[in-house]
All heavy atoms as atom14 arrays in JSON, in Angstrom:
{
  "sequence": "ADGVHFRGGNTTKLLSILRGYPELVTV",
  "atom14_mask": [
    [1, 1, 1, 1, 1, 0, 0, 0, 0, 0, 0, 0, 0, 0],
    [1, 1, 1, 1, 1, 1, 1, 1, 0, 0, 0, 0, 0, 0],
    [1, 1, 1, 1, 0, 0, 0, 0, 0, 0, 0, 0, 0, 0],
    [1, 1, 1, 1, 1, 1, 1, 0, 0, 0, 0, 0, 0, 0],
    [1, 1, 1, 1, 1, 1, 1, 1, 1, 1, 0, 0, 0, 0],
    [1, 1, 1, 1, 1, 1, 1, 1, 1, 1, 1, 0, 0, 0],
    [1, 1, 1, 1, 1, 1, 1, 1, 1, 1, 1, 0, 0, 0],
    [1, 1, 1, 1, 0, 0, 0, 0, 0, 0, 0, 0, 0, 0],
    [1, 1, 1, 1, 0, 0, 0, 0, 0, 0, 0, 0, 0, 0],
    [1, 1, 1, 1, 1, 1, 1, 1, 0, 0, 0, 0, 0, 0],
    [1, 1, 1, 1, 1, 1, 1, 0, 0, 0, 0, 0, 0, 0],
    [1, 1, 1, 1, 1, 1, 1, 0, 0, 0, 0, 0, 0, 0],
    [1, 1, 1, 1, 1, 1, 1, 1, 1, 0, 0, 0, 0, 0],
    [1, 1, 1, 1, 1, 1, 1, 1, 0, 0, 0, 0, 0, 0],
    [1, 1, 1, 1, 1, 1, 1, 1, 0, 0, 0, 0, 0, 0],
    [1, 1, 1, 1, 1, 1, 0, 0, 0, 0, 0, 0, 0, 0],
    [1, 1, 1, 1, 1, 1, 1, 1, 0, 0, 0, 0, 0, 0],
    [1, 1, 1, 1, 1, 1, 1, 1, 0, 0, 0, 0, 0, 0],
    [1, 1, 1, 1, 1, 1, 1, 1, 1, 1, 1, 0, 0, 0],
    [1, 1, 1, 1, 0, 0, 0, 0, 0, 0, 0, 0, 0, 0],
    [1, 1, 1, 1, 1, 1, 1, 1, 1, 1, 1, 1, 0, 0],
    [1, 1, 1, 1, 1, 1, 1, 0, 0, 0, 0, 0, 0, 0],
    [1, 1, 1, 1, 1, 1, 1, 1, 1, 0, 0, 0, 0, 0],
    [1, 1, 1, 1, 1, 1, 1, 1, 0, 0, 0, 0, 0, 0],
    [1, 1, 1, 1, 1, 1, 1, 0, 0, 0, 0, 0, 0, 0],
    [1, 1, 1, 1, 1, 1, 1, 0, 0, 0, 0, 0, 0, 0],
    [1, 1, 1, 1, 1, 1, 1, 0, 0, 0, 0, 0, 0, 0]
  ],
  "atom14_positions": [
    [[15.76, -64.14, 63.39], [16.94, -63.49, 62.88], [17.41, -62.32, 63.75], [16.55, -61.66, 64.42], [16.76, -62.99, 61.46], [0.0, 0.0, 0.0], [0.0, 0.0, 0.0], [0.0, 0.0, 0.0], [0.0, 0.0, 0.0], [0.0, 0.0, 0.0], [0.0, 0.0, 0.0], [0.0, 0.0, 0.0], [0.0, 0.0, 0.0], [0.0, 0.0, 0.0]],
    [[18.61, -62.11, 63.83], [19.26, -60.86, 64.53], [19.28, -59.77, 63.58], [19.23, -58.61, 63.98], [20.65, -61.19, 65.07], [20.62, -62.35, 66.07], [20.04, -62.22, 67.16], [21.18, -63.4, 65.75], [0.0, 0.0, 0.0], [0.0, 0.0, 0.0], [0.0, 0.0, 0.0], [0.0, 0.0, 0.0], [0.0, 0.0, 0.0], [0.0, 0.0, 0.0]],
    [[19.41, -60.0, 62.29], [19.49, -59.0, 61.28], [18.78, -59.49, 60.06], [18.74, -60.71, 59.84], [0.0, 0.0, 0.0], [0.0, 0.0, 0.0], [0.0, 0.0, 0.0], [0.0, 0.0, 0.0], [0.0, 0.0, 0.0], [0.0, 0.0, 0.0], [0.0, 0.0, 0.0], [0.0, 0.0, 0.0], [0.0, 0.0, 0.0], [0.0, 0.0, 0.0]],
    [[18.38, -58.51, 59.2], [17.65, -58.85, 57.96], [18.15, -58.02, 56.82], [18.3, -56.79, 57.02], [16.12, -58.77, 58.08], [15.41, -59.16, 56.76], [15.56, -59.52, 59.27], [0.0, 0.0, 0.0], [0.0, 0.0, 0.0], [0.0, 0.0, 0.0], [0.0, 0.0, 0.0], [0.0, 0.0, 0.0], [0.0, 0.0, 0.0], [0.0, 0.0, 0.0]],
    [[18.52, -58.61, 55.72], [18.92, -57.8, 54.57], [18.05, -58.16, 53.39], [17.88, -59.31, 53.05], [20.35, -58.13, 54.24], [20.82, -57.49, 52.96], [20.92, -56.13, 52.82], [21.19, -58.0, 51.72], [21.37, -55.8, 51.55], [21.49, -56.85, 50.93], [0.0, 0.0, 0.0], [0.0, 0.0, 0.0], [0.0, 0.0, 0.0], [0.0, 0.0, 0.0]],
    [[17.46, -57.12, 52.74], [16.61, -57.23, 51.57], [17.42, -56.86, 50.33], [17.86, -55.69, 50.22], [15.38, -56.25, 51.68], [14.45, -56.62, 52.85], [14.71, -56.12, 54.01], [13.44, -57.54, 52.63], [13.87, -56.42, 55.1], [12.64, -57.88, 53.61], [12.76, -57.3, 54.93], [0.0, 0.0, 0.0], [0.0, 0.0, 0.0], [0.0, 0.0, 0.0]],
    [[17.63, -57.83, 49.48], [18.45, -57.65, 48.23], [17.65, -56.98, 47.22], [16.34, -57.02, 47.18], [18.88, -59.04, 47.74], [19.82, -59.07, 46.56], [21.22, -59.1, 46.97], [22.16, -59.12, 45.85], [22.9, -60.19, 45.53], [22.84, -61.25, 46.2], [23.68, -60.09, 44.46], [0.0, 0.0, 0.0], [0.0, 0.0, 0.0], [0.0, 0.0, 0.0]],
    [[18.22, -56.33, 46.2], [17.57, -55.61, 45.21], [16.94, -56.46, 44.03], [17.11, -57.72, 44.11], [0.0, 0.0, 0.0], [0.0, 0.0, 0.0], [0.0, 0.0, 0.0], [0.0, 0.0, 0.0], [0.0, 0.0, 0.0], [0.0, 0.0, 0.0], [0.0, 0.0, 0.0], [0.0, 0.0, 0.0], [0.0, 0.0, 0.0], [0.0, 0.0, 0.0]],
    [[16.3, -55.84, 43.17], [15.62, -56.56, 42.03], [14.36, -55.79, 41.66], [14.42, -54.57, 41.51], [0.0, 0.0, 0.0], [0.0, 0.0, 0.0], [0.0, 0.0, 0.0], [0.0, 0.0, 0.0], [0.0, 0.0, 0.0], [0.0, 0.0, 0.0], [0.0, 0.0, 0.0], [0.0, 0.0, 0.0], [0.0, 0.0, 0.0], [0.0, 0.0, 0.0]],
    [[13.29, -56.45, 41.62], [12.04, -55.85, 41.24], [11.3, -55.32, 42.46], [10.75, -56.13, 43.28], [11.2, -56.88, 40.52], [9.88, -56.4, 39.97], [9.19, -55.7, 40.68], [9.51, -56.77, 38.73], [0.0, 0.0, 0.0], [0.0, 0.0, 0.0], [0.0, 0.0, 0.0], [0.0, 0.0, 0.0], [0.0, 0.0, 0.0], [0.0, 0.0, 0.0]],
    [[11.18, -54.04, 42.61], [10.56, -53.47, 43.82], [9.07, -53.78, 43.91], [8.62, -54.02, 45.01], [10.77, -51.9, 43.78], [12.14, -51.57, 43.64], [10.24, -51.22, 44.98], [0.0, 0.0, 0.0], [0.0, 0.0, 0.0], [0.0, 0.0, 0.0], [0.0, 0.0, 0.0], [0.0, 0.0, 0.0], [0.0, 0.0, 0.0], [0.0, 0.0, 0.0]],
    [[8.39, -53.69, 42.79], [6.97, -54.08, 42.85], [6.71, -55.47, 43.32], [5.83, -55.7, 44.16], [6.37, -53.77, 41.42], [6.53, -52.44, 40.98], [4.84, -54.15, 41.43], [0.0, 0.0, 0.0], [0.0, 0.0, 0.0], [0.0, 0.0, 0.0], [0.0, 0.0, 0.0], [0.0, 0.0, 0.0], [0.0, 0.0, 0.0], [0.0, 0.0, 0.0]],
    [[7.44, -56.33, 42.84], [7.39, -57.76, 43.23], [7.73, -57.91, 44.7], [6.95, -58.47, 45.55], [8.38, -58.65, 42.5], [8.35, -60.11, 42.83], [9.43, -60.82, 41.99], [9.45, -62.32, 42.5], [10.56, -62.98, 41.8], [0.0, 0.0, 0.0], [0.0, 0.0, 0.0], [0.0, 0.0, 0.0], [0.0, 0.0, 0.0], [0.0, 0.0, 0.0]],
    [[8.77, -57.27, 45.27], [9.09, -57.33, 46.7], [8.05, -56.73, 47.51], [7.65, -57.38, 48.51], [10.49, -56.58, 46.87], [10.94, -56.51, 48.28], [11.25, -57.83, 48.87], [12.26, -55.6, 48.38], [0.0, 0.0, 0.0], [0.0, 0.0, 0.0], [0.0, 0.0, 0.0], [0.0, 0.0, 0.0], [0.0, 0.0, 0.0], [0.0, 0.0, 0.0]],
    [[7.6, -55.55, 47.23], [6.5, -54.95, 48.05], [5.3, -55.83, 48.05], [4.59, -55.89, 49.08], [6.22, -53.52, 47.51], [7.28, -52.44, 47.91], [7.08, -51.2, 47.2], [7.38, -52.26, 49.41], [0.0, 0.0, 0.0], [0.0, 0.0, 0.0], [0.0, 0.0, 0.0], [0.0, 0.0, 0.0], [0.0, 0.0, 0.0], [0.0, 0.0, 0.0]],
    [[4.89, -56.38, 46.91], [3.72, -57.19, 46.86], [3.87, -58.4, 47.83], [2.94, -58.68, 48.56], [3.5, -57.66, 45.46], [2.43, -58.6, 45.35], [0.0, 0.0, 0.0], [0.0, 0.0, 0.0], [0.0, 0.0, 0.0], [0.0, 0.0, 0.0], [0.0, 0.0, 0.0], [0.0, 0.0, 0.0], [0.0, 0.0, 0.0], [0.0, 0.0, 0.0]],
    [[4.99, -58.97, 47.88], [5.19, -60.12, 48.78], [5.18, -59.7, 50.18], [4.55, -60.24, 51.07], [6.53, -60.88, 48.4], [6.36, -61.54, 47.0], [6.9, -61.91, 49.52], [7.68, -62.05, 46.45], [0.0, 0.0, 0.0], [0.0, 0.0, 0.0], [0.0, 0.0, 0.0], [0.0, 0.0, 0.0], [0.0, 0.0, 0.0], [0.0, 0.0, 0.0]],
    [[5.93, -58.6, 50.46], [6.09, -58.13, 51.9], [4.78, -57.67, 52.44], [4.55, -57.89, 53.66], [7.19, -57.06, 51.96], [8.57, -57.45, 51.62], [9.49, -56.27, 51.79], [9.12, -58.6, 52.45], [0.0, 0.0, 0.0], [0.0, 0.0, 0.0], [0.0, 0.0, 0.0], [0.0, 0.0, 0.0], [0.0, 0.0, 0.0], [0.0, 0.0, 0.0]],
    [[3.95, -57.07, 51.67], [2.59, -56.65, 52.17], [1.73, -57.76, 52.47], [0.63, -57.59, 53.12], [2.06, -55.69, 51.13], [2.75, -54.31, 51.13], [1.95, -53.25, 50.33], [2.7, -52.03, 50.49], [3.22, -51.25, 49.58], [3.22, -51.73, 48.29], [3.84, -50.15, 49.83], [0.0, 0.0, 0.0], [0.0, 0.0, 0.0], [0.0, 0.0, 0.0]],
    [[2.13, -58.98, 52.12], [1.31, -60.18, 52.46], [1.53, -60.66, 53.88], [0.91, -61.59, 54.31], [0.0, 0.0, 0.0], [0.0, 0.0, 0.0], [0.0, 0.0, 0.0], [0.0, 0.0, 0.0], [0.0, 0.0, 0.0], [0.0, 0.0, 0.0], [0.0, 0.0, 0.0], [0.0, 0.0, 0.0], [0.0, 0.0, 0.0], [0.0, 0.0, 0.0]],
    [[2.36, -59.91, 54.62], [2.75, -60.29, 56.02], [2.35, -59.08, 56.94], [3.18, -58.24, 57.16], [4.16, -60.61, 56.22], [4.63, -61.74, 55.26], [5.3, -61.48, 54.07], [4.45, -63.05, 55.65], [5.72, -62.52, 53.2], [4.83, -64.13, 54.77], [5.48, -63.83, 53.62], [5.88, -64.79, 52.73], [0.0, 0.0, 0.0], [0.0, 0.0, 0.0]],
    [[1.1, -58.97, 57.35], [0.64, -57.79, 58.08], [1.47, -57.41, 59.35], [1.55, -56.25, 59.63], [-0.74, -58.13, 58.47], [-1.11, -59.33, 57.65], [0.06, -60.01, 57.21], [0.0, 0.0, 0.0], [0.0, 0.0, 0.0], [0.0, 0.0, 0.0], [0.0, 0.0, 0.0], [0.0, 0.0, 0.0], [0.0, 0.0, 0.0], [0.0, 0.0, 0.0]],
    [[2.03, -58.45, 59.96], [2.85, -58.13, 61.19], [4.28, -57.85, 60.97], [5.04, -57.56, 61.9], [2.71, -59.36, 62.15], [3.37, -60.6, 61.72], [2.53, -61.46, 60.72], [1.63, -61.02, 60.12], [2.92, -62.69, 60.67], [0.0, 0.0, 0.0], [0.0, 0.0, 0.0], [0.0, 0.0, 0.0], [0.0, 0.0, 0.0], [0.0, 0.0, 0.0]],
    [[4.71, -57.82, 59.79], [6.17, -57.68, 59.34], [6.73, -56.38, 59.93], [7.82, -56.44, 60.53], [6.3, -57.68, 57.81], [7.81, -57.54, 57.41], [8.67, -58.63, 57.91], [7.8, -57.5, 55.79], [0.0, 0.0, 0.0], [0.0, 0.0, 0.0], [0.0, 0.0, 0.0], [0.0, 0.0, 0.0], [0.0, 0.0, 0.0], [0.0, 0.0, 0.0]],
    [[6.1, -55.2, 59.72], [6.73, -53.98, 60.17], [6.98, -53.98, 61.68], [7.99, -53.66, 62.08], [5.83, -52.76, 59.72], [6.27, -51.51, 60.44], [5.85, -52.66, 58.23], [0.0, 0.0, 0.0], [0.0, 0.0, 0.0], [0.0, 0.0, 0.0], [0.0, 0.0, 0.0], [0.0, 0.0, 0.0], [0.0, 0.0, 0.0], [0.0, 0.0, 0.0]],
    [[6.04, -54.51, 62.45], [6.15, -54.56, 63.96], [7.32, -55.41, 64.24], [8.11, -55.05, 65.13], [4.87, -55.05, 64.5], [3.85, -54.2, 64.14], [5.0, -55.17, 66.1], [0.0, 0.0, 0.0], [0.0, 0.0, 0.0], [0.0, 0.0, 0.0], [0.0, 0.0, 0.0], [0.0, 0.0, 0.0], [0.0, 0.0, 0.0], [0.0, 0.0, 0.0]],
    [[7.42, -56.57, 63.61], [8.53, -57.54, 64.03], [9.8, -56.99, 63.58], [10.81, -57.1, 64.3], [8.18, -58.94, 63.39], [9.35, -59.88, 63.65], [6.96, -59.54, 63.93], [0.0, 0.0, 0.0], [0.0, 0.0, 0.0], [0.0, 0.0, 0.0], [0.0, 0.0, 0.0], [0.0, 0.0, 0.0], [0.0, 0.0, 0.0], [0.0, 0.0, 0.0]]
  ]
}
């Protein structure tokens, strides 16, 4: 992707999923 947009909703759920991708912040 050239850009990424994270839509709202349940923050706890979103963070739990995103933390499952250790390289995400770097990418």
